[in-house]
C-alpha atoms as a PDB file:
ATOM      1  CA  MET A   1     -31.057 130.744-105.578  1.00  0.00           C
ATOM      2  CA  LEU A   2     -32.549 131.745-108.610  1.00  0.00           C
ATOM      3  CA  GLY A   3     -28.935 132.355-110.003  1.00  0.00           C
ATOM      4  CA  LEU A   4     -28.518 128.737-108.627  1.00  0.00           C
ATOM      5  CA  GLY A   5     -30.985 126.882-110.698  1.00  0.00           C
ATOM      6  CA  CYS A   6     -29.955 129.023-113.545  1.00  0.00           C
ATOM      7  CA  THR A   7     -26.409 127.038-113.496  1.00  0.00           C
ATOM      8  CA  VAL A   8     -28.429 123.426-113.886  1.00  0.00           C
ATOM      9  CA  GLU A   9     -28.782 121.612-116.924  1.00  0.00           C
ATOM     10  CA  VAL A  10     -31.542 119.354-117.501  1.00  0.00           C
ATOM     11  CA  SER A  11     -29.310 116.559-118.918  1.00  0.00           C
ATOM     12  CA  GLN A  12     -26.774 117.303-116.069  1.00  0.00           C
ATOM     13  CA  LEU A  13     -29.244 116.609-113.830  1.00  0.00           C
ATOM     14  CA  GLY A  14     -30.005 113.352-115.859  1.00  0.00           C
ATOM     15  CA  GLU A  15     -26.669 112.205-115.445  1.00  0.00           C
ATOM     16  CA  HIS A  16     -25.932 112.731-111.460  1.00  0.00           C
ATOM     17  CA  ILE A  17     -29.020 111.046-110.880  1.00  0.00           C
ATOM     18  CA  ARG A  18     -27.808 107.682-112.737  1.00  0.00           C
ATOM     19  CA  ARG A  19     -24.645 108.188-110.695  1.00  0.00           C
ATOM     20  CA  PRO A  20     -25.872 109.739-107.459  1.00  0.00           C
ATOM     21  CA  ILE A  21     -22.170 110.447-105.798  1.00  0.00           C
ATOM     22  CA  GLY A  22     -22.976 114.070-105.705  1.00  0.00           C
ATOM     23  CA  VAL A  23     -26.221 113.235-103.929  1.00  0.00           C
ATOM     24  CA  LEU A  24     -24.783 110.726-101.457  1.00  0.00           C
ATOM     25  CA  LEU A  25     -21.988 113.574-100.780  1.00  0.00           C
ATOM     26  CA  ALA A  26     -24.389 116.473 -99.804  1.00  0.00           C
ATOM     27  CA  LEU A  27     -26.299 113.779 -97.488  1.00  0.00           C
ATOM     28  CA  VAL A  28     -23.090 112.628 -95.524  1.00  0.00           C
ATOM     29  CA  CYS A  29     -21.408 116.577 -95.629  1.00  0.00           C
ATOM     30  CA  GLN A  30     -24.541 118.435 -94.775  1.00  0.00           C
ATOM     31  CA  PHE A  31     -26.219 115.901 -92.660  1.00  0.00           C
ATOM     32  CA  VAL A  32     -23.909 113.791 -91.133  1.00  0.00           C
ATOM     33  CA  ILE A  33     -20.582 115.527 -90.771  1.00  0.00           C
ATOM     34  CA  MET A  34     -21.481 119.656 -90.173  1.00  0.00           C
ATOM     35  CA  PRO A  35     -24.454 118.448 -87.554  1.00  0.00           C
ATOM     36  CA  LEU A  36     -22.186 116.518 -85.838  1.00  0.00           C
ATOM     37  CA  VAL A  37     -19.032 119.127 -85.905  1.00  0.00           C
ATOM     38  CA  ALA A  38     -21.647 121.674 -84.534  1.00  0.00           C
ATOM     39  CA  PHE A  39     -23.114 119.396 -81.691  1.00  0.00           C
ATOM     40  CA  LEU A  40     -19.271 118.526 -80.292  1.00  0.00           C
ATOM     41  CA  LEU A  41     -18.126 121.891 -80.452  1.00  0.00           C
ATOM     42  CA  ALA A  42     -20.832 122.860 -78.544  1.00  0.00           C
ATOM     43  CA  LEU A  43     -20.265 120.361 -75.877  1.00  0.00           C
ATOM     44  CA  ALA A  44     -16.831 121.055 -76.054  1.00  0.00           C
ATOM     45  CA  PHE A  45     -17.121 124.829 -75.212  1.00  0.00           C
ATOM     46  CA  SER A  46     -20.233 124.381 -73.044  1.00  0.00           C
ATOM     47  CA  LEU A  47     -22.323 126.279 -74.729  1.00  0.00           C
ATOM     48  CA  ASN A  48     -25.536 127.222 -73.259  1.00  0.00           C
ATOM     49  CA  GLY A  49     -28.787 126.412 -74.975  1.00  0.00           C
ATOM     50  CA  VAL A  50     -29.872 129.571 -76.675  1.00  0.00           C
ATOM     51  CA  ALA A  51     -26.046 129.395 -78.295  1.00  0.00           C
ATOM     52  CA  ALA A  52     -25.968 125.935 -78.789  1.00  0.00           C
ATOM     53  CA  MET A  53     -29.300 126.176 -80.788  1.00  0.00           C
ATOM     54  CA  ALA A  54     -27.750 128.976 -83.133  1.00  0.00           C
ATOM     55  CA  VAL A  55     -24.855 126.908 -83.592  1.00  0.00           C
ATOM     56  CA  LEU A  56     -26.850 123.461 -84.235  1.00  0.00           C
ATOM     57  CA  LEU A  57     -29.180 125.735 -86.558  1.00  0.00           C
ATOM     58  CA  CYS A  58     -25.820 126.875 -88.376  1.00  0.00           C
ATOM     59  CA  GLY A  59     -24.813 123.407 -88.969  1.00  0.00           C
ATOM     60  CA  CYS A  60     -27.694 121.686 -89.808  1.00  0.00           C
ATOM     61  CA  CYS A  61     -28.430 124.212 -92.556  1.00  0.00           C
ATOM     62  CA  PRO A  62     -27.999 123.027 -96.296  1.00  0.00           C
ATOM     63  CA  GLY A  63     -25.155 123.792 -98.343  1.00  0.00           C
ATOM     64  CA  GLY A  64     -24.987 127.720 -99.477  1.00  0.00           C
ATOM     65  CA  ASN A  65     -24.633 128.936-103.092  1.00  0.00           C
ATOM     66  CA  LEU A  66     -21.307 131.058-101.718  1.00  0.00           C
ATOM     67  CA  SER A  67     -19.858 127.326-101.828  1.00  0.00           C
ATOM     68  CA  ASN A  68     -20.375 127.601-106.098  1.00  0.00           C
ATOM     69  CA  ILE A  69     -18.460 130.680-106.059  1.00  0.00           C
ATOM     70  CA  MET A  70     -15.687 129.796-104.126  1.00  0.00           C
ATOM     71  CA  SER A  71     -15.389 126.361-105.844  1.00  0.00           C
ATOM     72  CA  LEU A  72     -15.288 128.297-109.503  1.00  0.00           C
ATOM     73  CA  LEU A  73     -12.399 130.169-108.371  1.00  0.00           C
ATOM     74  CA  VAL A  74     -10.325 126.834-107.112  1.00  0.00           C
ATOM     75  CA  HIS A  75     -11.104 125.244-110.608  1.00  0.00           C
ATOM     76  CA  GLY A  76     -13.527 122.692-108.676  1.00  0.00           C
ATOM     77  CA  GLU A  77     -16.094 120.364-110.356  1.00  0.00           C
ATOM     78  CA  MET A  78     -18.686 122.696-110.423  1.00  0.00           C
ATOM     79  CA  ASN A  79     -21.307 120.020-111.778  1.00  0.00           C
ATOM     80  CA  LEU A  80     -20.635 118.250-108.737  1.00  0.00           C
ATOM     81  CA  SER A  81     -20.876 121.324-106.604  1.00  0.00           C
ATOM     82  CA  ILE A  82     -24.005 122.328-107.942  1.00  0.00           C
ATOM     83  CA  ILE A  83     -25.652 119.264-107.903  1.00  0.00           C
ATOM     84  CA  MET A  84     -24.266 118.712-104.270  1.00  0.00           C
ATOM     85  CA  THR A  85     -25.733 122.485-103.210  1.00  0.00           C
ATOM     86  CA  ILE A  86     -29.288 121.478-104.435  1.00  0.00           C
ATOM     87  CA  SER A  87     -29.539 117.972-103.246  1.00  0.00           C
ATOM     88  CA  SER A  88     -28.514 119.511 -99.742  1.00  0.00           C
ATOM     89  CA  THR A  89     -31.329 122.006 -99.726  1.00  0.00           C
ATOM     90  CA  LEU A  90     -33.852 119.061-100.991  1.00  0.00           C
ATOM     91  CA  LEU A  91     -32.908 116.597 -98.449  1.00  0.00           C
ATOM     92  CA  ALA A  92     -32.982 119.782 -95.860  1.00  0.00           C
ATOM     93  CA  LEU A  93     -36.738 119.397 -96.043  1.00  0.00           C
ATOM     94  CA  VAL A  94     -36.883 116.210 -94.217  1.00  0.00           C
ATOM     95  CA  LEU A  95     -33.180 115.625 -92.483  1.00  0.00           C
ATOM     96  CA  MET A  96     -32.696 119.198 -90.885  1.00  0.00           C
ATOM     97  CA  PRO A  97     -35.705 118.743 -88.393  1.00  0.00           C
ATOM     98  CA  LEU A  98     -34.537 115.412 -87.981  1.00  0.00           C
ATOM     99  CA  CYS A  99     -30.988 116.456 -87.194  1.00  0.00           C
ATOM    100  CA  LEU A 100     -32.241 119.366 -84.698  1.00  0.00           C
ATOM    101  CA  TRP A 101     -34.223 117.173 -82.900  1.00  0.00           C
ATOM    102  CA  ILE A 102     -31.468 114.526 -82.382  1.00  0.00           C
ATOM    103  CA  TYR A 103     -28.737 116.669 -81.400  1.00  0.00           C
ATOM    104  CA  SER A 104     -30.904 119.044 -79.281  1.00  0.00           C
ATOM    105  CA  ARG A 105     -31.575 116.274 -76.925  1.00  0.00           C
ATOM    106  CA  ALA A 106     -28.631 117.357 -74.767  1.00  0.00           C
ATOM    107  CA  TRP A 107     -30.513 120.619 -74.212  1.00  0.00           C
ATOM    108  CA  ILE A 108     -33.657 118.966 -73.910  1.00  0.00           C
ATOM    109  CA  ASN A 109     -35.188 121.328 -70.504  1.00  0.00           C
ATOM    110  CA  THR A 110     -33.667 124.483 -72.201  1.00  0.00           C
ATOM    111  CA  PRO A 111     -37.181 126.840 -73.597  1.00  0.00           C
ATOM    112  CA  VAL A 112     -35.482 127.613 -76.697  1.00  0.00           C
ATOM    113  CA  VAL A 113     -35.414 123.534 -77.552  1.00  0.00           C
ATOM    114  CA  ASN A 114     -39.104 123.566 -76.755  1.00  0.00           C
ATOM    115  CA  LEU A 115     -40.272 126.614 -78.910  1.00  0.00           C
ATOM    116  CA  MET A 116     -38.474 125.069 -81.946  1.00  0.00           C
ATOM    117  CA  PRO A 117     -40.312 125.636 -85.030  1.00  0.00           C
ATOM    118  CA  PHE A 118     -40.006 122.446 -87.230  1.00  0.00           C
ATOM    119  CA  GLY A 119     -43.236 124.143 -89.394  1.00  0.00           C
ATOM    120  CA  ALA A 120     -41.238 127.242 -89.739  1.00  0.00           C
ATOM    121  CA  ILE A 121     -38.469 125.619 -90.912  1.00  0.00           C
ATOM    122  CA  ILE A 122     -39.774 123.368 -93.612  1.00  0.00           C
ATOM    123  CA  LEU A 123     -41.803 126.523 -94.903  1.00  0.00           C
ATOM    124  CA  THR A 124     -38.428 128.423 -95.099  1.00  0.00           C
ATOM    125  CA  LEU A 125     -36.885 125.683 -96.499  1.00  0.00           C
ATOM    126  CA  CYS A 126     -39.597 125.294 -99.310  1.00  0.00           C
ATOM    127  CA  SER A 127     -39.289 129.091-100.312  1.00  0.00           C
ATOM    128  CA  THR A 128     -35.638 128.314-100.744  1.00  0.00           C
ATOM    129  CA  LEU A 129     -36.822 126.180-103.344  1.00  0.00           C
ATOM    130  CA  ILE A 130     -39.550 127.615-105.439  1.00  0.00           C
ATOM    131  CA  PRO A 131     -36.192 130.149-107.270  1.00  0.00           C
ATOM    132  CA  ILE A 132     -34.371 127.208-107.946  1.00  0.00           C
ATOM    133  CA  GLY A 133     -37.132 125.503-109.791  1.00  0.00           C
ATOM    134  CA  LEU A 134     -37.597 128.821-111.421  1.00  0.00           C
ATOM    135  CA  GLY A 135     -34.028 128.892-112.524  1.00  0.00           C
ATOM    136  CA  VAL A 136     -33.899 125.369-114.068  1.00  0.00           C
ATOM    137  CA  LEU A 137     -37.245 126.274-115.970  1.00  0.00           C
ATOM    138  CA  LEU A 138     -35.638 129.490-117.197  1.00  0.00           C
ATOM    139  CA  ARG A 139     -31.836 127.493-118.072  1.00  0.00           C
ATOM    140  CA  TYR A 140     -34.302 125.084-120.227  1.00  0.00           C
ATOM    141  CA  ARG A 141     -36.543 127.737-121.872  1.00  0.00           C
ATOM    142  CA  TYR A 142     -34.367 130.740-122.127  1.00  0.00           C
ATOM    143  CA  THR A 143     -30.645 129.920-121.935  1.00  0.00           C
ATOM    144  CA  ARG A 144     -29.626 133.733-122.919  1.00  0.00           C
ATOM    145  CA  VAL A 145     -31.595 135.055-120.095  1.00  0.00           C
ATOM    146  CA  ALA A 146     -30.031 132.386-117.724  1.00  0.00           C
ATOM    147  CA  ASP A 147     -26.729 133.663-118.272  1.00  0.00           C
ATOM    148  CA  ILE A 148     -27.527 136.999-117.650  1.00  0.00           C
ATOM    149  CA  VAL A 149     -29.610 136.192-114.631  1.00  0.00           C
ATOM    150  CA  LEU A 150     -26.595 133.727-113.604  1.00  0.00           C
ATOM    151  CA  LYS A 151     -24.107 136.811-113.186  1.00  0.00           C
ATOM    152  CA  ALA A 152     -26.729 138.885-111.732  1.00  0.00           C
ATOM    153  CA  SER A 153     -27.212 136.762-109.154  1.00  0.00           C
ATOM    154  CA  LEU A 154     -23.219 135.916-108.868  1.00  0.00           C
ATOM    155  CA  TRP A 155     -22.407 139.739-108.192  1.00  0.00           C
ATOM    156  CA  SER A 156     -25.359 140.571-105.882  1.00  0.00           C
ATOM    157  CA  LEU A 157     -24.405 137.669-103.816  1.00  0.00           C
ATOM    158  CA  LEU A 158     -21.201 139.231-103.245  1.00  0.00           C
ATOM    159  CA  VAL A 159     -22.623 142.635-102.908  1.00  0.00           C
ATOM    160  CA  THR A 160     -24.913 141.801-100.694  1.00  0.00           C
ATOM    161  CA  LEU A 161     -22.742 139.796 -98.472  1.00  0.00           C
ATOM    162  CA  LEU A 162     -20.115 142.819 -98.073  1.00  0.00           C
ATOM    163  CA  THR A 163     -23.399 145.333 -97.324  1.00  0.00           C
ATOM    164  CA  LEU A 164     -24.531 143.241 -94.809  1.00  0.00           C
ATOM    165  CA  PHE A 165     -21.078 143.006 -92.665  1.00  0.00           C
ATOM    166  CA  ILE A 166     -21.049 146.727 -93.132  1.00  0.00           C
ATOM    167  CA  LEU A 167     -24.597 147.730 -92.008  1.00  0.00           C
ATOM    168  CA  THR A 168     -24.420 144.661 -89.409  1.00  0.00           C
ATOM    169  CA  GLY A 169     -21.456 146.441 -87.745  1.00  0.00           C
ATOM    170  CA  ALA A 170     -22.367 149.717 -87.977  1.00  0.00           C
ATOM    171  CA  MET A 171     -25.970 149.755 -86.542  1.00  0.00           C
ATOM    172  CA  LEU A 172     -25.241 146.937 -83.679  1.00  0.00           C
ATOM    173  CA  GLY A 173     -21.677 148.246 -82.639  1.00  0.00           C
ATOM    174  CA  PRO A 174     -19.208 146.695 -80.236  1.00  0.00           C
ATOM    175  CA  GLU A 175     -21.816 146.762 -77.675  1.00  0.00           C
ATOM    176  CA  LEU A 176     -24.021 143.661 -78.919  1.00  0.00           C
ATOM    177  CA  LEU A 177     -20.960 142.124 -79.843  1.00  0.00           C
ATOM    178  CA  SER A 178     -19.541 142.185 -76.475  1.00  0.00           C
ATOM    179  CA  THR A 179     -22.288 140.124 -75.564  1.00  0.00           C
ATOM    180  CA  ILE A 180     -21.498 137.206 -77.308  1.00  0.00           C
ATOM    181  CA  PRO A 181     -19.018 135.081 -75.550  1.00  0.00           C
ATOM    182  CA  PRO A 182     -15.573 134.311 -76.575  1.00  0.00           C
ATOM    183  CA  SER A 183     -16.184 130.859 -77.485  1.00  0.00           C
ATOM    184  CA  VAL A 184     -19.045 131.397 -78.932  1.00  0.00           C
ATOM    185  CA  TYR A 185     -16.301 133.345 -81.493  1.00  0.00           C
ATOM    186  CA  VAL A 186     -13.992 130.654 -81.039  1.00  0.00           C
ATOM    187  CA  VAL A 187     -16.973 128.007 -82.437  1.00  0.00           C
ATOM    188  CA  ALA A 188     -17.476 130.396 -85.439  1.00  0.00           C
ATOM    189  CA  VAL A 189     -13.925 130.209 -86.303  1.00  0.00           C
ATOM    190  CA  LEU A 190     -13.585 126.123 -85.989  1.00  0.00           C
ATOM    191  CA  MET A 191     -17.063 125.420 -87.402  1.00  0.00           C
ATOM    192  CA  PRO A 192     -15.999 126.084 -91.109  1.00  0.00           C
ATOM    193  CA  LEU A 193     -12.698 124.966 -90.788  1.00  0.00           C
ATOM    194  CA  CYS A 194     -13.237 121.275 -89.565  1.00  0.00           C
ATOM    195  CA  GLY A 195     -16.060 121.183 -92.527  1.00  0.00           C
ATOM    196  CA  TYR A 196     -13.328 122.216 -95.221  1.00  0.00           C
ATOM    197  CA  ALA A 197     -10.969 119.743 -93.405  1.00  0.00           C
ATOM    198  CA  ALA A 198     -13.544 116.638 -93.250  1.00  0.00           C
ATOM    199  CA  GLY A 199     -14.928 117.496 -96.651  1.00  0.00           C
ATOM    200  CA  TYR A 200     -11.658 116.800 -98.251  1.00  0.00           C
ATOM    201  CA  GLY A 201     -10.813 113.950 -96.264  1.00  0.00           C
ATOM    202  CA  LEU A 202     -14.300 112.564 -97.426  1.00  0.00           C
ATOM    203  CA  ALA A 203     -13.284 112.852-100.953  1.00  0.00           C
ATOM    204  CA  VAL A 204      -9.971 111.352-100.653  1.00  0.00           C
ATOM    205  CA  LEU A 205     -12.046 108.690 -99.110  1.00  0.00           C
ATOM    206  CA  PHE A 206     -14.115 108.272-101.984  1.00  0.00           C
ATOM    207  CA  ASP A 207     -11.166 108.457-104.269  1.00  0.00           C
ATOM    208  CA  LEU A 208     -12.266 111.585-106.324  1.00  0.00           C
ATOM    209  CA  PRO A 209      -9.885 113.654-108.802  1.00  0.00           C
ATOM    210  CA  PRO A 210      -8.134 116.414-106.992  1.00  0.00           C
ATOM    211  CA  ASN A 211     -10.971 119.118-108.349  1.00  0.00           C
ATOM    212  CA  CYS A 212     -13.503 117.322-106.806  1.00  0.00           C
ATOM    213  CA  ARG A 213     -11.899 116.887-103.684  1.00  0.00           C
ATOM    214  CA  ARG A 214     -11.597 121.192-103.498  1.00  0.00           C
ATOM    215  CA  SER A 215     -15.325 121.401-104.488  1.00  0.00           C
ATOM    216  CA  VAL A 216     -16.283 119.000-101.909  1.00  0.00           C
ATOM    217  CA  SER A 217     -14.202 120.585 -99.155  1.00  0.00           C
ATOM    218  CA  LEU A 218     -15.940 123.939-100.046  1.00  0.00           C
ATOM    219  CA  GLU A 219     -19.178 122.623-100.067  1.00  0.00           C
ATOM    220  CA  THR A 220     -18.850 121.245 -96.910  1.00  0.00           C
ATOM    221  CA  GLY A 221     -17.613 124.142 -94.761  1.00  0.00           C
ATOM    222  CA  CYS A 222     -19.728 126.702 -96.836  1.00  0.00           C
ATOM    223  CA  GLN A 223     -23.179 126.684 -94.701  1.00  0.00           C
ATOM    224  CA  ASN A 224     -26.487 128.320 -95.967  1.00  0.00           C
ATOM    225  CA  VAL A 225     -26.254 131.312 -93.461  1.00  0.00           C
ATOM    226  CA  GLN A 226     -29.303 133.450 -94.948  1.00  0.00           C
ATOM    227  CA  LEU A 227     -31.587 130.404 -94.613  1.00  0.00           C
ATOM    228  CA  CYS A 228     -30.288 130.121 -90.909  1.00  0.00           C
ATOM    229  CA  THR A 229     -30.614 133.900 -90.342  1.00  0.00           C
ATOM    230  CA  ALA A 230     -34.229 133.495 -91.770  1.00  0.00           C
ATOM    231  CA  ILE A 231     -35.111 130.761 -89.506  1.00  0.00           C
ATOM    232  CA  LEU A 232     -33.947 132.551 -86.473  1.00  0.00           C
ATOM    233  CA  LYS A 233     -35.405 136.154 -87.252  1.00  0.00           C
ATOM    234  CA  LEU A 234     -39.142 134.418 -88.204  1.00  0.00           C
ATOM    235  CA  ALA A 235     -38.960 131.730 -85.383  1.00  0.00           C
ATOM    236  CA  PHE A 236     -37.442 132.723 -82.132  1.00  0.00           C
ATOM    237  CA  PRO A 237     -38.179 135.994 -79.887  1.00  0.00           C
ATOM    238  CA  PRO A 238     -35.731 138.178 -79.977  1.00  0.00           C
ATOM    239  CA  GLN A 239     -35.761 138.516 -76.325  1.00  0.00           C
ATOM    240  CA  LEU A 240     -34.663 134.832 -75.929  1.00  0.00           C
ATOM    241  CA  ILE A 241     -31.886 134.826 -78.710  1.00  0.00           C
ATOM    242  CA  GLY A 242     -30.257 138.232 -78.115  1.00  0.00           C
ATOM    243  CA  GLY A 243     -27.012 138.444 -79.677  1.00  0.00           C
ATOM    244  CA  MET A 244     -27.002 134.762 -80.766  1.00  0.00           C
ATOM    245  CA  TYR A 245     -28.612 136.287 -84.507  1.00  0.00           C
ATOM    246  CA  MET A 246     -25.056 137.468 -84.626  1.00  0.00           C
ATOM    247  CA  PHE A 247     -23.616 133.533 -84.881  1.00  0.00           C
ATOM    248  CA  PRO A 248     -24.699 133.363 -88.543  1.00  0.00           C
ATOM    249  CA  LEU A 249     -23.197 136.512 -89.485  1.00  0.00           C
ATOM    250  CA  LEU A 250     -19.887 135.483 -87.621  1.00  0.00           C
ATOM    251  CA  TYR A 251     -20.321 132.055 -89.265  1.00  0.00           C
ATOM    252  CA  ALA A 252     -20.513 133.665 -92.538  1.00  0.00           C
ATOM    253  CA  LEU A 253     -17.417 135.741 -92.115  1.00  0.00           C
ATOM    254  CA  PHE A 254     -14.917 133.439 -90.829  1.00  0.00           C
ATOM    255  CA  GLN A 255     -15.988 130.880 -93.479  1.00  0.00           C
ATOM    256  CA  ALA A 256     -15.521 133.078 -96.308  1.00  0.00           C
ATOM    257  CA  ALA A 257     -12.097 134.461 -94.867  1.00  0.00           C
ATOM    258  CA  GLU A 258     -10.999 130.669 -94.403  1.00  0.00           C
ATOM    259  CA  ALA A 259     -12.184 130.084 -97.633  1.00  0.00           C
ATOM    260  CA  GLY A 260     -10.330 133.012 -99.108  1.00  0.00           C
ATOM    261  CA  ILE A 261      -6.944 131.520 -97.302  1.00  0.00           C
ATOM    262  CA  PHE A 262      -7.708 128.445 -98.911  1.00  0.00           C
ATOM    263  CA  ILE A 263      -8.307 129.926-102.647  1.00  0.00           C
ATOM    264  CA  LEU A 264      -4.893 131.901-102.298  1.00  0.00           C
ATOM    265  CA  ALA A 265      -2.770 129.338-101.231  1.00  0.00           C
ATOM    266  CA  TYR A 266      -3.772 127.170-103.845  1.00  0.00           C
ATOM    267  CA  ARG A 267      -3.304 130.058-106.607  1.00  0.00           C
ATOM    268  CA  MET A 268       0.065 130.302-105.042  1.00  0.00           C
ATOM    269  CA  TYR A 269       0.724 126.429-105.364  1.00  0.00           C
ATOM    270  CA  ARG A 270      -0.515 126.219-108.829  1.00  0.00           C
ATOM    271  CA  LYS A 271       1.260 129.470-109.759  1.00  0.00           C
ATOM    272  CA  GLU A 272       4.407 127.932-108.591  1.00  0.00           C
ATOM    273  CA  SER A 273       4.145 124.525-109.909  1.00  0.00           C
ATOM    274  CA  LEU A 274       3.385 125.600-113.646  1.00  0.00           C
ATOM    275  CA  HIS A 275       6.391 127.765-113.479  1.00  0.00           C
ATOM    276  CA  LYS A 276       8.289 125.575-112.007  1.00  0.00           C
ATOM    277  CA  PRO A 277      11.366 124.505-114.401  1.00  0.00           C
ATOM    278  CA  GLU A 278      11.362 120.800-115.172  1.00  0.00           C
ATOM    279  CA  ARG A 279      14.943 119.282-113.738  1.00  0.00           C
ATOM    280  CA  MET A 280      16.710 117.665-115.881  1.00  0.00           C
ATOM    281  CA  GLY A 281      19.128 114.448-115.587  1.00  0.00           C
ATOM    282  CA  ASP A 282      23.193 115.019-115.438  1.00  0.00           C
ATOM    283  CA  GLY A 283      24.167 113.008-118.419  1.00  0.00           C
ATOM    284  CA  GLU A 284      21.207 114.851-120.508  1.00  0.00           C
ATOM    285  CA  ASP A 285      21.659 117.040-123.432  1.00  0.00           C
ATOM    286  CA  THR A 286      19.718 120.064-123.049  1.00  0.00           C
ATOM    287  CA  ASP A 287      21.528 122.107-125.792  1.00  0.00           C
ATOM    288  CA  ILE A 288      18.203 122.130-127.620  1.00  0.00           C
ATOM    289  CA  THR A 289      17.406 125.152-130.764  1.00  0.00           C
ATOM    290  CA  TYR A 290      14.226 125.979-131.981  1.00  0.00           C
ATOM    291  CA  GLN A 291      13.832 127.221-135.205  1.00  0.00           C
ATOM    292  CA  ARG A 292      10.817 129.921-135.634  1.00  0.00           C
ATOM    293  CA  PHE A 293       9.477 131.751-138.871  1.00  0.00           C
ATOM    294  CA  ASN A 294       7.827 135.303-138.926  1.00  0.00           C
ATOM    295  CA  ASP A 295       4.466 135.506-140.560  1.00  0.00           C
ATOM    296  CA  ASP A 296       5.684 138.043-143.062  1.00  0.00           C
ATOM    297  CA  GLU A 297       8.350 135.190-144.462  1.00  0.00           C
ATOM    298  CA  ASP A 298       7.524 133.590-147.572  1.00  0.00           C
ATOM    299  CA  PHE A 299       7.022 130.118-145.906  1.00  0.00           C
ATOM    300  CA  ASP A 300       4.451 127.151-145.473  1.00  0.00           C
ATOM    301  CA  SER A 301       3.225 127.843-142.452  1.00  0.00           C
ATOM    302  CA  SER A 302       2.136 124.388-141.919  1.00  0.00           C
ATOM    303  CA  TYR A 303       5.741 123.155-141.061  1.00  0.00           C
ATOM    304  CA  GLY A 304       7.431 123.618-137.893  1.00  0.00           C
ATOM    305  CA  ALA A 305      11.088 121.990-136.857  1.00  0.00           C
ATOM    306  CA  VAL A 306      12.963 121.240-133.949  1.00  0.00           C
ATOM    307  CA  THR A 307      16.829 120.841-134.045  1.00  0.00           C
ATOM    308  CA  VAL A 308      18.484 118.902-131.549  1.00  0.00           C
ATOM    309  CA  SER A 309      22.587 119.345-131.332  1.00  0.00           C
ATOM    310  CA  ASP A 310      22.863 115.666-131.709  1.00  0.00           C
ATOM    311  CA  PRO A 311      24.199 113.481-134.741  1.00  0.00           C
ATOM    312  CA  ASN A 312      20.763 112.554-135.524  1.00  0.00           C
ATOM    313  CA  THR A 313      18.510 115.279-136.350  1.00  0.00           C
ATOM    314  CA  ILE A 314      14.773 114.941-135.273  1.00  0.00           C
ATOM    315  CA  MET A 315      11.802 116.786-137.566  1.00  0.00           C
ATOM    316  CA  LEU A 316       8.355 117.547-136.198  1.00  0.00           C
ATOM    317  CA  ASP A 317       5.855 118.408-138.125  1.00  0.00           C
ATOM    318  CA  PRO A 318       2.728 119.632-135.974  1.00  0.00           C
ATOM    319  CA  CYS A 319       0.423 119.748-139.710  1.00  0.00           C
ATOM    320  CA  PRO A 320       1.374 117.240-142.021  1.00  0.00           C
ATOM    321  CA  PRO A 321       1.284 118.411-145.612  1.00  0.00           C
ATOM    322  CA  ASP A 322      -1.355 117.305-148.269  1.00  0.00           C
ATOM    323  CA  PRO A 323       0.260 114.807-150.544  1.00  0.00           C
ATOM    324  CA  THR A 324      -0.719 116.640-153.258  1.00  0.00           C
ATOM    325  CA  PRO A 325       1.382 119.388-154.358  1.00  0.00           C
ATOM    326  CA  VAL A 326      -0.377 122.677-154.797  1.00  0.00           C
END
């Protein structure tokens, strides 16, 4: 979160305040689409109260900073991605407890709902905003230091996630994984996929350009699973949650894998489209020769020529000569 704050320019914040499309998208994506998706999936697969609460908690979390890395890899609109992440984290102070209270009514009689620690959730959210504010201040006062912190944070995020998966699998083993119902695994697969699709559809509805559509899609599906894990760890007793501590990790695994497939497909499509030759009409004359010069030849490098096998010759001068002879 410190690195995320280091990506923010104060001038960019002012621009997004004047044109709050990023804030509006963050509001709709993170606190309308994703909680609704989590709620519907929990109902569709008849999850019990504990599993449903873990799914809802993950669905109501703000956007994670993993989405910013993914958006960078698909040449997305980074300013939009960053402002959506920060906006959703700020809005989560009020909207995350509200969404949990609204959607948990379906499991009103379960003990996990009665133990819902709204105060701890707000406190955890506040603790994530402090490093963001420090990062913004660092970018404003010390740009070079902020660049170093940003690079270190991006690499540490990737290394931490990889280490987390390895240690979790090594320490918990298949015994705990086998206690998680198959329906929870299916929800962990479908939930980020629905988020990516719904976010892209929302961006199309707002008539955003393609790079913004990719950013909104990734921002919607990628949740702050670190925050979800912290809330589960700090707020609920282990004997009550049990194997549901694993759900944020499962969600992180599948959201990263599905985003990786999305990135790979985009890269392949981009490579194919850039190297695809333009189709010429049957009646067009395609016999074009290019005249090039070497650097060691004695000529004026400000000239270039294109000749076409046509009675008429077209000369293109990319750099017109100075009218005064040297």
